[in-house]
Every structure is written in C-alpha cells, then in structure tokens.
C-alpha cells in the first residue's frame, strides 16, 4: 500500500470516529446551535437550582439545623456541579 493510501485510510478512520462522537453528543443533547446557552436556558437552570436549594434548606431547617449564607452558597455550588459531560 502506498504511503498516500495509508494516510488517507488513517484520516478516514479519524473522520469516522469524529462523526460517531458528534452523533453521540447530538443524541445526548449536548450540542446546541453554536453551542451557546440562551438567556432562557440560563434562567431555567437558575430556577431549577434555586428550587433545589430552597428544598434542601427547608429540609435541614425542619430537622432543627440553622443554615447560614455560607452553607447556602456551598449547597448552591454543589447543586450546580454536572459530571455528565
């Protein structure tokens, strides 16, 4: 096999792997138009995180715990971690 054919075969293999990865990302919904979040996306995420934080604080307080602003900040940060990507 000529060197050009070997290089073409390797490039084709890499191209196929990239295409497969793109398809998996599309199926997971991770690729968006221009891969940018809109203000609506950010607002929805903020509302979800705020709801989770309020629920956690209420649960802790119902068990007699005092939840300060620092603990709320830490809880909010933890809630925002996303290990799916």
Protein backbone atom coordinates (compact mmCIF):
# COMPACT_ATOMS: atom_id res chain seq x y z
CA UNK A 1 0.00 0.00 0.00
CA UNK A 2 1.38 3.41 -0.94
CA UNK A 3 2.06 5.99 1.75
CA UNK A 4 -0.74 8.22 0.41
CA UNK A 5 -3.22 5.38 0.73
CA UNK A 6 -2.14 4.68 4.30
CA UNK A 7 -2.56 8.36 5.25
CA UNK A 8 -5.97 8.51 3.57
CA UNK A 9 -7.10 5.38 5.41
CA UNK A 10 -5.95 6.83 8.74
CA UNK A 11 -7.71 10.15 8.04
CA UNK A 12 -10.89 8.31 7.06
CA UNK A 13 -10.75 6.35 10.31
CA UNK A 14 -10.30 9.54 12.34
CA UNK A 15 -13.14 11.19 10.41
CA UNK A 16 -15.43 8.26 11.18
CA UNK A 17 -14.55 8.43 14.89
CA UNK A 18 -15.29 12.18 14.94
CA UNK A 19 -18.63 11.60 13.23
CA UNK A 20 -19.54 8.91 15.75
CA UNK A 21 -18.64 11.21 18.64
CA UNK A 22 -20.74 14.03 17.16
CA UNK A 23 -23.71 11.70 16.81
CA UNK A 24 -23.40 10.58 20.43
CA UNK A 25 -23.27 14.21 21.57
CA UNK A 26 -26.32 15.09 19.49
CA UNK A 27 -28.21 12.18 21.00
CA UNK A 28 -27.30 13.37 24.48
CA UNK A 29 -28.49 16.86 23.58
CA UNK A 30 -25.13 18.40 24.34
CA UNK A 31 -24.72 20.15 21.03
CA UNK A 32 -26.82 23.26 20.62
CA UNK A 33 -26.95 25.91 17.93
CA UNK A 34 -23.48 27.47 18.03
CA UNK A 35 -23.07 25.58 21.32
CA UNK A 36 -24.16 28.66 23.24
CA UNK A 37 -26.67 28.91 26.05
CA UNK A 38 -29.54 31.32 25.68
CA UNK A 39 -30.82 33.56 28.46
CA UNK A 40 -33.85 31.26 28.67
CA UNK A 41 -31.58 28.23 29.20
CA UNK A 42 -29.70 30.04 31.94
CA UNK A 43 -32.91 31.28 33.57
CA UNK A 44 -34.41 27.79 33.61
CA UNK A 45 -31.23 26.35 35.11
CA UNK A 46 -31.19 29.10 37.75
CA UNK A 47 -34.82 28.37 38.66
CA UNK A 48 -34.10 24.65 38.97
CA UNK A 49 -31.05 25.25 41.18
CA UNK A 50 -32.92 27.79 43.31
CA UNK A 51 -35.73 25.29 43.85
CA UNK A 52 -33.28 22.57 44.84
CA UNK A 53 -31.52 24.92 47.25
CA UNK A 54 -34.80 26.06 48.83
CA UNK A 55 -35.87 22.44 49.29
CA UNK A 56 -32.56 21.43 50.87
CA UNK A 57 -32.58 24.44 53.21
CA UNK A 58 -36.17 23.76 54.25
CA UNK A 59 -35.32 20.10 54.90
CA UNK A 60 -32.31 21.00 57.03
CA UNK A 61 -34.27 23.61 58.95
CA UNK A 62 -37.11 21.16 59.58
CA UNK A 63 -34.54 18.99 61.39
CA UNK A 64 -33.52 21.90 63.61
CA UNK A 65 -30.42 22.89 61.65
CA UNK A 66 -29.51 26.54 61.13
CA UNK A 67 -28.44 27.21 57.55
CA UNK A 68 -26.30 30.32 57.08
CA UNK A 69 -25.48 32.19 53.91
CA UNK A 70 -22.12 30.43 53.52
CA UNK A 71 -23.74 26.99 53.70
CA UNK A 72 -26.37 28.11 51.18
CA UNK A 73 -23.57 29.23 48.86
CA UNK A 74 -21.81 25.88 49.19
CA UNK A 75 -25.04 23.93 48.65
CA UNK A 76 -25.80 26.02 45.58
CA UNK A 77 -22.33 25.38 44.20
CA UNK A 78 -22.62 21.63 44.80
CA UNK A 79 -26.04 21.57 43.11
CA UNK A 80 -24.51 23.24 40.05
CA UNK A 81 -21.86 20.57 39.55
CA UNK A 82 -22.54 18.45 36.49
CA UNK A 83 -20.48 15.34 35.88
CA UNK A 84 -22.48 14.13 32.86
CA UNK A 85 -20.31 15.97 30.35
